[in-house]
């Protein structure tokens, strides 16, 4: 693992990651020890595996927002007491299925991994993405997307009769996820972020000229340097992605040209920052560690994943990512 200096704190990424990793391991020893029991039915009935799924529709300000749900049969009555309900928020380019459920048949589905662990899992298509409606009022930037998350959270809270739910933000999706958690901490149980950006700004990026960009085959096919990816899976995923979306809003690209709206000191919910070893430049590493240091929550964790990149949930070693996320979610 390479080491990068951080002048602000006098630490380096190697030391910060090691310390945060030790904090994470210390905080989740009990859930890991209980891993074998995690998938037992709440009633103690014999083990079965039936993953159920359905599509739902939330709404905000006249916009219809698509939600995908997956859960494991037999757990339906448990969520009111254990609150194992989570919302997944996708990144800048592709919508929910391409991101979180691209190839469950071959084990590439974060939704099914979480459902197997007893969670009721919802994945949101932000407006203008996938099967959600678009809007002429905005380009789906962080502020607008945070309103989508609020609508989805209110829908899920009412549907499952739970006070708070957890949220996972993926890459650019970490921006609206963190903004909503900052605004409405009383509705969030835990917050996990992969690919977070704080003060880092892409100075070379030009602001887009229009609200949408086209997504073709080239955008759907990942590159070898993007992570430890199975080429056959990449081709299968590309078909799912292209079937889901032909365009993407440009609000996320505008966001990358300006500083993040997130004030980490105002994040008061338990927060996990996940860093893949191959995800980002040394400057991005330093930015994420700096963000982590400034988080105001009493419980905060930084998980460094050797060998993984920005596509950690769908890389060949995604089991390490799955374990980090589940350990955080399941700690008491």
Protein backbone atom coordinates (compact mmCIF):
# COMPACT_ATOMS: atom_id res chain seq x y z
CA UNK A 1 0.00 0.00 0.00
CA UNK A 2 1.43 3.36 -0.98
CA UNK A 3 1.78 6.23 1.47
CA UNK A 4 0.78 9.79 0.63
CA UNK A 5 1.57 12.83 2.76
CA UNK A 6 -1.12 15.14 4.11
CA UNK A 7 0.26 18.49 5.10
CA UNK A 8 -2.86 19.66 6.96
CA UNK A 9 -2.78 17.06 9.70
CA UNK A 10 0.80 15.80 9.56
CA UNK A 11 -0.58 12.28 9.09
CA UNK A 12 -0.43 10.19 5.98
CA UNK A 13 -3.03 7.99 4.34
CA UNK A 14 -1.25 4.82 5.43
CA UNK A 15 -1.35 5.78 9.10
CA UNK A 16 -4.87 7.21 8.95
CA UNK A 17 -6.20 4.15 7.20
CA UNK A 18 -4.48 1.83 9.67
CA UNK A 19 -5.78 3.71 12.70
CA UNK A 20 -9.31 3.99 11.29
CA UNK A 21 -9.22 0.33 10.30
CA UNK A 22 -8.30 -0.61 13.86
CA UNK A 23 -11.17 1.54 15.13
CA UNK A 24 -13.53 -0.19 12.73
CA UNK A 25 -12.35 -3.65 13.70
CA UNK A 26 -12.59 -2.85 17.39
CA UNK A 27 -16.08 -1.45 17.01
CA UNK A 28 -17.48 -4.40 15.07
CA UNK A 29 -15.94 -7.43 16.73
CA UNK A 30 -19.30 -8.57 18.05
CA UNK A 31 -21.18 -8.49 14.69
CA UNK A 32 -18.35 -10.38 13.00
CA UNK A 33 -18.45 -13.05 15.66
CA UNK A 34 -22.16 -13.37 15.04
CA UNK A 35 -21.82 -13.65 11.27
CA UNK A 36 -22.87 -17.30 11.23
CA UNK A 37 -26.10 -16.44 13.06
CA UNK A 38 -26.92 -13.36 10.99
CA UNK A 39 -28.84 -15.19 8.31
CA UNK A 40 -30.97 -17.33 10.60
CA UNK A 41 -34.65 -16.51 10.35
CA UNK A 42 -35.93 -14.39 13.22
CA UNK A 43 -38.41 -17.14 14.11
CA UNK A 44 -35.69 -19.81 14.22
CA UNK A 45 -37.36 -21.65 11.34
CA UNK A 46 -35.24 -23.84 9.02
CA UNK A 47 -32.96 -21.94 6.64
CA UNK A 48 -34.37 -21.10 3.22
CA UNK A 49 -33.24 -18.62 0.61
CA UNK A 50 -35.93 -16.87 -1.36
CA UNK A 51 -35.10 -13.34 -2.48
CA UNK A 52 -38.19 -11.31 -3.26
CA UNK A 53 -38.15 -8.13 -5.33
CA UNK A 54 -40.57 -5.50 -6.50
CA UNK A 55 -40.75 -2.02 -7.97
CA UNK A 56 -42.32 0.87 -6.06
CA UNK A 57 -42.94 4.53 -6.80
CA UNK A 58 -42.30 7.48 -4.51
CA UNK A 59 -43.20 11.04 -5.44
CA UNK A 60 -42.02 14.55 -4.73
CA UNK A 61 -43.26 17.83 -6.22
CA UNK A 62 -45.02 15.94 -9.01
CA UNK A 63 -41.97 13.82 -9.92
CA UNK A 64 -42.37 10.06 -9.89
CA UNK A 65 -39.31 8.33 -8.42
CA UNK A 66 -38.64 4.65 -8.99
CA UNK A 67 -37.60 2.50 -6.05
CA UNK A 68 -36.40 -1.10 -6.34
CA UNK A 69 -36.78 -3.34 -3.31
CA UNK A 70 -35.17 -6.67 -2.47
CA UNK A 71 -35.48 -8.71 0.70
CA UNK A 72 -35.20 -12.27 1.89
CA UNK A 73 -38.46 -14.08 2.53
CA UNK A 74 -39.10 -14.74 6.20
CA UNK A 75 -37.75 -11.47 7.55
CA UNK A 76 -40.76 -9.27 6.88
CA UNK A 77 -41.89 -9.03 10.50
CA UNK A 78 -38.44 -8.30 11.89
CA UNK A 79 -37.76 -4.82 10.50
CA UNK A 80 -40.13 -3.00 12.86
CA UNK A 81 -37.98 -4.10 15.79
CA UNK A 82 -34.47 -4.34 14.36
CA UNK A 83 -34.79 -1.46 11.81
CA UNK A 84 -32.59 -3.29 9.29
CA UNK A 85 -33.76 -1.11 6.42
CA UNK A 86 -31.34 0.58 4.01
CA UNK A 87 -31.53 2.91 1.00
CA UNK A 88 -28.84 2.80 -1.72
CA UNK A 89 -28.00 5.91 -3.76
CA UNK A 90 -26.23 5.49 -7.12
CA UNK A 91 -23.49 7.59 -8.71
CA UNK A 92 -23.21 10.18 -11.47
CA UNK A 93 -23.72 8.03 -14.58
CA UNK A 94 -25.83 4.92 -14.15
CA UNK A 95 -29.02 4.25 -12.21
CA UNK A 96 -29.79 1.68 -9.50
CA UNK A 97 -29.90 -1.72 -11.18
CA UNK A 98 -26.69 -1.18 -13.11
CA UNK A 99 -25.00 -0.06 -9.89
CA UNK A 100 -26.41 -2.30 -7.18
CA UNK A 101 -28.03 -5.33 -8.85
CA UNK A 102 -26.34 -5.86 -12.24
CA UNK A 103 -25.73 -9.62 -12.18
CA UNK A 104 -27.22 -11.42 -9.17
CA UNK A 105 -27.02 -14.79 -10.93
CA UNK A 106 -23.22 -14.64 -10.75
CA UNK A 107 -22.99 -13.03 -7.30
CA UNK A 108 -22.69 -9.39 -8.35
CA UNK A 109 -25.52 -7.76 -6.41
CA UNK A 110 -25.08 -5.58 -3.34
CA UNK A 111 -28.85 -5.66 -2.96
CA UNK A 112 -28.91 -9.44 -2.61
CA UNK A 113 -25.90 -9.46 -0.29
CA UNK A 114 -27.71 -7.11 2.07
CA UNK A 115 -31.01 -8.96 1.66
CA UNK A 116 -29.24 -12.21 2.56
CA UNK A 117 -28.09 -10.54 5.77
CA UNK A 118 -31.68 -9.78 6.71
CA UNK A 119 -32.02 -6.24 5.39
CA UNK A 120 -34.92 -4.72 3.54
CA UNK A 121 -33.00 -3.08 0.69
CA UNK A 122 -34.23 -0.17 -1.41
CA UNK A 123 -32.37 1.38 -4.34
CA UNK A 124 -33.49 4.75 -5.67
CA UNK A 125 -33.33 6.06 -9.23
CA UNK A 126 -32.73 9.78 -8.75
CA UNK A 127 -34.87 11.96 -11.00
CA UNK A 128 -33.65 11.97 -14.58
CA UNK A 129 -32.00 8.55 -14.11
CA UNK A 130 -33.24 5.09 -15.02
CA UNK A 131 -36.99 4.78 -14.71
CA UNK A 132 -37.61 7.90 -12.65
CA UNK A 133 -39.09 10.99 -14.25
CA UNK A 134 -36.85 13.85 -15.28
CA UNK A 135 -37.34 17.54 -14.55
CA UNK A 136 -36.89 20.74 -16.56
CA UNK A 137 -36.38 22.66 -13.32
CA UNK A 138 -32.86 21.42 -12.61
CA UNK A 139 -30.09 19.10 -13.80
CA UNK A 140 -30.21 16.75 -10.78
CA UNK A 141 -27.34 18.25 -8.84
CA UNK A 142 -26.62 17.47 -5.19
CA UNK A 143 -29.27 19.77 -3.73
CA UNK A 144 -32.00 18.49 -6.03
CA UNK A 145 -30.99 14.86 -5.54
CA UNK A 146 -31.10 15.27 -1.75
CA UNK A 147 -34.80 16.13 -2.12
CA UNK A 148 -35.30 12.84 -3.98
CA UNK A 149 -33.64 11.01 -1.11
CA UNK A 150 -35.91 12.74 1.38
CA UNK A 151 -38.99 11.65 -0.60
CA UNK A 152 -37.69 8.07 -0.76
CA UNK A 153 -36.85 8.02 2.95
CA UNK A 154 -40.32 9.28 3.88
CA UNK A 155 -41.89 6.64 1.63
CA UNK A 156 -39.84 3.81 3.14
CA UNK A 157 -40.36 5.00 6.73
CA UNK A 158 -44.12 4.94 6.22
CA UNK A 159 -44.06 1.65 4.32
CA UNK A 160 -42.00 -0.21 6.91
CA UNK A 161 -43.11 1.77 9.98
CA UNK A 162 -39.57 2.52 11.10
CA UNK A 163 -38.28 5.75 12.58
CA UNK A 164 -34.87 5.78 10.91
CA UNK A 165 -33.18 4.01 8.01
CA UNK A 166 -29.56 3.64 6.91
CA UNK A 167 -28.19 5.13 3.69
CA UNK A 168 -25.28 4.11 1.46
CA UNK A 169 -24.02 6.69 -1.05
CA UNK A 170 -21.94 5.44 -3.96
CA UNK A 171 -19.34 7.77 -5.54
CA UNK A 172 -21.14 11.02 -6.52
CA UNK A 173 -24.23 9.63 -4.76
CA UNK A 174 -22.34 10.13 -1.50
CA UNK A 175 -22.89 13.88 -1.97
CA UNK A 176 -26.71 13.99 -1.82
CA UNK A 177 -26.73 11.13 0.71
CA UNK A 178 -24.45 13.07 3.07
CA UNK A 179 -26.33 16.32 2.47
CA UNK A 180 -29.63 14.71 3.43
CA UNK A 181 -28.03 13.13 6.52
CA UNK A 182 -26.71 16.56 7.46
CA UNK A 183 -30.15 18.13 7.02
CA UNK A 184 -32.33 15.41 8.63
CA UNK A 185 -30.17 13.39 11.06
CA UNK A 186 -33.21 12.27 13.05
CA UNK A 187 -34.34 10.13 10.10
CA UNK A 188 -31.00 8.38 9.51
CA UNK A 189 -29.70 5.40 11.46
CA UNK A 190 -26.28 5.11 9.80
CA UNK A 191 -24.51 6.63 6.82
CA UNK A 192 -21.91 4.86 4.63
CA UNK A 193 -20.01 6.66 1.88
CA UNK A 194 -17.78 5.31 -0.89
CA UNK A 195 -15.90 7.76 -3.10
CA UNK A 196 -16.67 10.86 -1.03
CA UNK A 197 -15.37 14.23 -2.27
CA UNK A 198 -15.08 17.28 -0.04
CA UNK A 199 -12.77 20.16 -0.89
CA UNK A 200 -11.33 18.48 -3.96
CA UNK A 201 -12.44 20.19 -7.20
CA UNK A 202 -11.81 18.95 -10.74
CA UNK A 203 -10.22 22.11 -12.14
CA UNK A 204 -9.72 20.53 -15.56
CA UNK A 205 -13.41 19.73 -16.00
CA UNK A 206 -15.51 22.04 -18.13
CA UNK A 207 -19.07 22.74 -17.06
CA UNK A 208 -21.52 20.97 -19.41
CA UNK A 209 -23.57 23.02 -21.87
CA UNK A 210 -26.84 21.18 -21.48
CA UNK A 211 -28.89 19.25 -18.93
CA UNK A 212 -28.30 15.74 -20.35
CA UNK A 213 -25.54 13.61 -21.85
CA UNK A 214 -25.89 10.47 -23.96
CA UNK A 215 -24.72 7.12 -22.61
CA UNK A 216 -23.42 4.69 -25.20
CA UNK A 217 -21.64 1.36 -25.22
CA UNK A 218 -18.29 2.94 -24.43
CA UNK A 219 -19.66 4.46 -21.23
CA UNK A 220 -21.10 1.10 -20.20
CA UNK A 221 -17.87 -0.88 -20.68
CA UNK A 222 -15.44 -0.39 -17.81
CA UNK A 223 -11.69 -0.14 -18.33
CA UNK A 224 -9.10 -2.52 -16.82
CA UNK A 225 -7.60 0.26 -14.72
CA UNK A 226 -11.00 0.93 -13.14
CA UNK A 227 -10.59 -2.00 -10.75
CA UNK A 228 -10.15 -5.75 -10.42
CA UNK A 229 -13.02 -6.62 -12.76
CA UNK A 230 -14.13 -9.86 -14.40
CA UNK A 231 -14.28 -9.13 -18.18
CA UNK A 232 -17.27 -11.44 -18.68
CA UNK A 233 -19.15 -9.69 -15.90
CA UNK A 234 -18.29 -6.30 -17.41
CA UNK A 235 -19.99 -7.33 -20.66
CA UNK A 236 -23.07 -8.64 -18.84
CA UNK A 237 -23.27 -5.47 -16.78
CA UNK A 238 -23.01 -3.26 -19.87
CA UNK A 239 -26.16 -4.84 -21.28
CA UNK A 240 -28.03 -4.12 -18.03
CA UNK A 241 -26.78 -0.54 -17.94
CA UNK A 242 -27.72 0.25 -21.52
CA UNK A 243 -31.13 -1.32 -21.07
CA UNK A 244 -31.71 0.88 -18.04
CA UNK A 245 -30.55 4.29 -19.29
CA UNK A 246 -29.78 6.06 -22.57
CA UNK A 247 -28.99 9.45 -20.99
CA UNK A 248 -27.86 10.88 -17.65
CA UNK A 249 -28.38 14.34 -16.11
CA UNK A 250 -25.38 16.65 -16.01
CA UNK A 251 -25.89 18.05 -12.52
CA UNK A 252 -23.27 15.68 -11.12
CA UNK A 253 -20.72 16.99 -13.64
CA UNK A 254 -21.47 20.56 -12.57
CA UNK A 255 -20.99 19.50 -8.94
CA UNK A 256 -17.49 18.27 -9.71
CA UNK A 257 -16.43 21.79 -10.74
CA UNK A 258 -17.30 23.29 -7.35
CA UNK A 259 -16.64 22.52 -3.70
CA UNK A 260 -18.94 20.08 -1.97
CA UNK A 261 -21.95 21.40 -0.05
CA UNK A 262 -21.26 19.00 2.80
CA UNK A 263 -20.05 20.31 6.14
CA UNK A 264 -18.69 17.17 7.85
CA UNK A 265 -18.81 18.88 11.25
CA UNK A 266 -22.61 18.86 10.91
CA UNK A 267 -22.77 15.12 10.30
CA UNK A 268 -24.01 13.75 13.63
CA UNK A 269 -25.09 10.23 12.59
CA UNK A 270 -22.76 7.23 12.76
CA UNK A 271 -20.70 7.45 9.57
CA UNK A 272 -18.42 5.09 7.65
CA UNK A 273 -16.03 6.41 4.98
CA UNK A 274 -14.85 3.63 2.68
CA UNK A 275 -11.64 4.03 0.67
CA UNK A 276 -10.52 1.58 -1.99
CA UNK A 277 -6.75 1.46 -2.46
CA UNK A 278 -7.13 2.09 -6.22
CA UNK A 279 -9.93 4.63 -5.93
CA UNK A 280 -8.59 8.08 -6.72
CA UNK A 281 -5.40 10.11 -6.78
CA UNK A 282 -3.19 10.94 -3.78
CA UNK A 283 -5.00 14.28 -3.56
CA UNK A 284 -8.38 12.53 -3.42
CA UNK A 285 -7.08 10.18 -0.72
CA UNK A 286 -5.95 13.16 1.35
CA UNK A 287 -9.26 14.94 0.79
CA UNK A 288 -11.24 11.94 2.08
CA UNK A 289 -9.06 11.50 5.15
CA UNK A 290 -9.41 15.22 5.87
CA UNK A 291 -13.18 14.90 5.50
CA UNK A 292 -13.14 11.96 7.91
CA UNK A 293 -11.19 13.90 10.52
CA UNK A 294 -13.78 16.70 10.44
CA UNK A 295 -16.91 14.51 10.80
CA UNK A 296 -18.83 15.63 13.87
CA UNK A 297 -20.39 12.27 14.72
CA UNK A 298 -19.37 10.55 17.93
CA UNK A 299 -19.16 7.26 15.99
CA UNK A 300 -17.14 7.50 12.80
CA UNK A 301 -15.11 4.87 10.98
CA UNK A 302 -12.69 4.80 8.04
CA UNK A 303 -12.27 1.50 6.18
CA UNK A 304 -9.35 1.06 3.77
CA UNK A 305 -9.81 -1.78 1.25
CA UNK A 306 -6.53 -3.05 -0.26
CA UNK A 307 -6.65 -3.89 -3.95
CA UNK A 308 -10.12 -2.45 -4.61
CA UNK A 309 -11.02 0.61 -6.68
CA UNK A 310 -14.00 2.85 -7.25
CA UNK A 311 -16.15 -0.10 -8.36
CA UNK A 312 -15.55 -1.97 -5.09
CA UNK A 313 -19.13 -3.36 -4.82
CA UNK A 314 -18.78 -5.17 -8.18
CA UNK A 315 -15.09 -6.03 -8.34
CA UNK A 316 -13.86 -9.61 -7.99
CA UNK A 317 -12.85 -8.92 -4.41
CA UNK A 318 -16.17 -7.29 -3.51
CA UNK A 319 -16.47 -9.62 -0.51
CA UNK A 320 -14.06 -7.31 1.35
CA UNK A 321 -16.31 -4.36 0.62
CA UNK A 322 -19.42 -6.34 1.63
CA UNK A 323 -17.82 -7.27 4.97
CA UNK A 324 -16.79 -3.69 5.73
CA UNK A 325 -20.27 -2.36 5.04
CA UNK A 326 -22.12 -5.11 6.90
CA UNK A 327 -19.80 -4.92 9.91
CA UNK A 328 -20.54 -1.21 10.20
CA UNK A 329 -24.28 -1.63 9.75
CA UNK A 330 -24.57 -4.43 12.29
CA UNK A 331 -22.56 -3.02 15.15
CA UNK A 332 -24.65 -2.01 18.15
